[in-house]
Amino acid sequence: MEIKSTFEYLKVLDSIAELIDKRTFTPEAKQRLKELMIAVKKFERQALKEESPMERLISDFYSAPYLLN
């Protein structure tokens, strides 16, 4: 699985939360959870390569300064 956008990233995080909330893990659910978590890690690593956290914070501040007060 590959995450290509922030929207997909948020949907995957939501799916992970739903799987964890069920608390009953079938082997298929465990495998699905593992795949989703790997996809999230890959997306996060790629996002950090493209823009450092400091650069992201600065761009977020300029795009929406009222959110960081």
N, C-alpha and C. Protein backbone atom coordinates (compact mmCIF):
# COMPACT_ATOMS: atom_id res chain seq x y z
N MET A 1 0.85 -1.18 0.00
CA MET A 1 0.00 0.00 0.00
C MET A 1 0.89 1.23 0.00
N GLU A 2 0.47 2.24 -0.76
CA GLU A 2 1.22 3.48 -0.83
C GLU A 2 0.27 4.65 -0.59
N ILE A 3 0.68 5.55 0.27
CA ILE A 3 -0.09 6.76 0.58
C ILE A 3 0.48 7.88 -0.27
N LYS A 4 -0.40 8.58 -1.00
CA LYS A 4 0.07 9.61 -1.92
C LYS A 4 -0.32 11.03 -1.53
N SER A 5 -1.23 11.18 -0.57
CA SER A 5 -1.66 12.53 -0.20
C SER A 5 -1.95 12.59 1.30
N THR A 6 -2.05 13.79 1.79
CA THR A 6 -2.36 13.98 3.20
C THR A 6 -3.74 13.45 3.53
N PHE A 7 -4.68 13.60 2.61
CA PHE A 7 -6.03 13.09 2.82
C PHE A 7 -6.00 11.57 3.00
N GLU A 8 -5.27 10.87 2.14
CA GLU A 8 -5.14 9.42 2.27
C GLU A 8 -4.46 9.06 3.58
N TYR A 9 -3.47 9.84 3.97
CA TYR A 9 -2.75 9.62 5.22
C TYR A 9 -3.71 9.68 6.41
N LEU A 10 -4.56 10.68 6.41
CA LEU A 10 -5.54 10.82 7.50
C LEU A 10 -6.54 9.68 7.50
N LYS A 11 -6.95 9.24 6.32
CA LYS A 11 -7.88 8.11 6.24
C LYS A 11 -7.24 6.83 6.78
N VAL A 12 -5.98 6.62 6.47
CA VAL A 12 -5.27 5.44 6.96
C VAL A 12 -5.13 5.49 8.47
N LEU A 13 -4.81 6.67 9.01
CA LEU A 13 -4.72 6.81 10.47
C LEU A 13 -6.06 6.49 11.12
N ASP A 14 -7.15 6.91 10.49
CA ASP A 14 -8.48 6.61 11.00
C ASP A 14 -8.74 5.10 10.95
N SER A 15 -8.33 4.46 9.88
CA SER A 15 -8.50 3.01 9.76
C SER A 15 -7.71 2.27 10.84
N ILE A 16 -6.51 2.74 11.11
CA ILE A 16 -5.69 2.13 12.17
C ILE A 16 -6.39 2.26 13.52
N ALA A 17 -6.93 3.44 13.79
CA ALA A 17 -7.64 3.66 15.05
C ALA A 17 -8.85 2.74 15.17
N GLU A 18 -9.58 2.56 14.09
CA GLU A 18 -10.75 1.67 14.12
C GLU A 18 -10.33 0.23 14.39
N LEU A 19 -9.25 -0.21 13.77
CA LEU A 19 -8.78 -1.57 14.00
C LEU A 19 -8.34 -1.77 15.45
N ILE A 20 -7.67 -0.80 16.00
CA ILE A 20 -7.19 -0.90 17.38
C ILE A 20 -8.36 -0.86 18.37
N ASP A 21 -9.38 -0.07 18.07
CA ASP A 21 -10.54 0.04 18.96
C ASP A 21 -11.32 -1.27 19.06
N LYS A 22 -11.28 -2.09 18.04
CA LYS A 22 -12.03 -3.35 18.06
C LYS A 22 -11.50 -4.30 19.12
N ARG A 23 -10.23 -4.26 19.39
CA ARG A 23 -9.55 -5.06 20.41
C ARG A 23 -9.60 -6.56 20.18
N THR A 24 -10.27 -7.02 19.15
CA THR A 24 -10.23 -8.45 18.80
C THR A 24 -9.51 -8.54 17.47
N PHE A 25 -8.37 -9.16 17.50
CA PHE A 25 -7.54 -9.21 16.30
C PHE A 25 -7.55 -10.60 15.69
N THR A 26 -8.06 -10.68 14.50
CA THR A 26 -7.94 -11.90 13.72
C THR A 26 -6.59 -11.84 13.02
N PRO A 27 -6.09 -12.94 12.53
CA PRO A 27 -4.82 -12.88 11.80
C PRO A 27 -4.87 -11.92 10.60
N GLU A 28 -6.02 -11.86 9.94
CA GLU A 28 -6.17 -10.93 8.81
C GLU A 28 -6.12 -9.48 9.28
N ALA A 29 -6.76 -9.20 10.42
CA ALA A 29 -6.76 -7.84 10.96
C ALA A 29 -5.35 -7.43 11.39
N LYS A 30 -4.60 -8.37 11.97
CA LYS A 30 -3.22 -8.06 12.36
C LYS A 30 -2.37 -7.74 11.14
N GLN A 31 -2.55 -8.52 10.09
CA GLN A 31 -1.79 -8.28 8.86
C GLN A 31 -2.16 -6.93 8.25
N ARG A 32 -3.45 -6.63 8.22
CA ARG A 32 -3.92 -5.34 7.68
C ARG A 32 -3.35 -4.18 8.49
N LEU A 33 -3.37 -4.31 9.82
CA LEU A 33 -2.84 -3.28 10.70
C LEU A 33 -1.35 -3.07 10.43
N LYS A 34 -0.63 -4.15 10.28
CA LYS A 34 0.80 -4.07 10.01
C LYS A 34 1.06 -3.36 8.68
N GLU A 35 0.30 -3.70 7.65
CA GLU A 35 0.46 -3.05 6.34
C GLU A 35 0.16 -1.56 6.42
N LEU A 36 -0.90 -1.20 7.13
CA LEU A 36 -1.26 0.21 7.26
C LEU A 36 -0.18 0.99 8.02
N MET A 37 0.35 0.40 9.06
CA MET A 37 1.38 1.08 9.84
C MET A 37 2.67 1.26 9.03
N ILE A 38 3.01 0.29 8.22
CA ILE A 38 4.19 0.42 7.36
C ILE A 38 3.98 1.53 6.34
N ALA A 39 2.77 1.61 5.77
CA ALA A 39 2.47 2.67 4.80
C ALA A 39 2.57 4.05 5.45
N VAL A 40 2.10 4.17 6.68
CA VAL A 40 2.18 5.44 7.40
C VAL A 40 3.63 5.83 7.63
N LYS A 41 4.45 4.88 8.07
CA LYS A 41 5.87 5.17 8.31
C LYS A 41 6.57 5.62 7.03
N LYS A 42 6.28 4.95 5.92
CA LYS A 42 6.90 5.33 4.65
C LYS A 42 6.48 6.74 4.24
N PHE A 43 5.19 7.05 4.40
CA PHE A 43 4.70 8.38 4.03
C PHE A 43 5.36 9.45 4.90
N GLU A 44 5.47 9.19 6.20
CA GLU A 44 6.07 10.16 7.11
C GLU A 44 7.55 10.36 6.78
N ARG A 45 8.26 9.28 6.48
CA ARG A 45 9.67 9.41 6.11
C ARG A 45 9.82 10.24 4.84
N GLN A 46 8.97 9.98 3.86
CA GLN A 46 9.03 10.72 2.61
C GLN A 46 8.71 12.20 2.83
N ALA A 47 7.74 12.48 3.68
CA ALA A 47 7.37 13.87 3.96
C ALA A 47 8.52 14.61 4.62
N LEU A 48 9.26 13.94 5.50
CA LEU A 48 10.40 14.59 6.16
C LEU A 48 11.55 14.84 5.19
N LYS A 49 11.70 13.98 4.19
CA LYS A 49 12.76 14.19 3.20
C LYS A 49 12.45 15.40 2.34
N GLU A 50 11.18 15.60 2.03
CA GLU A 50 10.79 16.71 1.16
C GLU A 50 10.86 18.05 1.86
N GLU A 51 10.50 18.08 3.15
CA GLU A 51 10.45 19.34 3.88
C GLU A 51 10.75 19.06 5.35
N SER A 52 11.73 19.76 5.90
CA SER A 52 12.09 19.54 7.30
C SER A 52 10.96 20.04 8.20
N PRO A 53 10.92 19.57 9.44
CA PRO A 53 9.88 20.04 10.36
C PRO A 53 9.91 21.56 10.56
N MET A 54 11.10 22.16 10.58
CA MET A 54 11.20 23.61 10.74
C MET A 54 10.60 24.33 9.53
N GLU A 55 10.93 23.84 8.34
CA GLU A 55 10.37 24.46 7.13
C GLU A 55 8.85 24.32 7.11
N ARG A 56 8.34 23.15 7.52
CA ARG A 56 6.90 22.93 7.55
C ARG A 56 6.23 23.86 8.54
N LEU A 57 6.83 24.04 9.71
CA LEU A 57 6.28 24.94 10.72
C LEU A 57 6.23 26.37 10.20
N ILE A 58 7.28 26.80 9.55
CA ILE A 58 7.32 28.15 8.99
C ILE A 58 6.26 28.33 7.91
N SER A 59 6.14 27.36 7.02
CA SER A 59 5.13 27.47 5.95
C SER A 59 3.72 27.42 6.53
N ASP A 60 3.51 26.61 7.58
CA ASP A 60 2.20 26.57 8.25
C ASP A 60 1.89 27.91 8.90
N PHE A 61 2.89 28.53 9.50
CA PHE A 61 2.68 29.82 10.14
C PHE A 61 2.29 30.88 9.12
N TYR A 62 2.98 30.90 7.98
CA TYR A 62 2.67 31.89 6.96
C TYR A 62 1.31 31.63 6.31
N SER A 63 0.91 30.39 6.19
CA SER A 63 -0.36 30.10 5.55
C SER A 63 -1.54 30.30 6.50
N ALA A 64 -1.35 30.09 7.80
CA ALA A 64 -2.45 30.25 8.77
C ALA A 64 -1.90 30.70 10.11
N PRO A 65 -1.46 31.95 10.23
CA PRO A 65 -0.83 32.41 11.47
C PRO A 65 -1.77 32.37 12.68
N TYR A 66 -3.07 32.48 12.46
CA TYR A 66 -4.01 32.49 13.57
C TYR A 66 -4.11 31.12 14.25
N LEU A 67 -3.70 30.05 13.59
CA LEU A 67 -3.78 28.71 14.19
C LEU A 67 -2.66 28.46 15.18
N LEU A 68 -1.58 29.19 15.10
CA LEU A 68 -0.42 28.93 15.94
C LEU A 68 -0.30 29.88 17.12
N ASN A 69 -1.31 30.66 17.38
CA ASN A 69 -1.24 31.60 18.53
C ASN A 69 -1.41 30.89 19.83
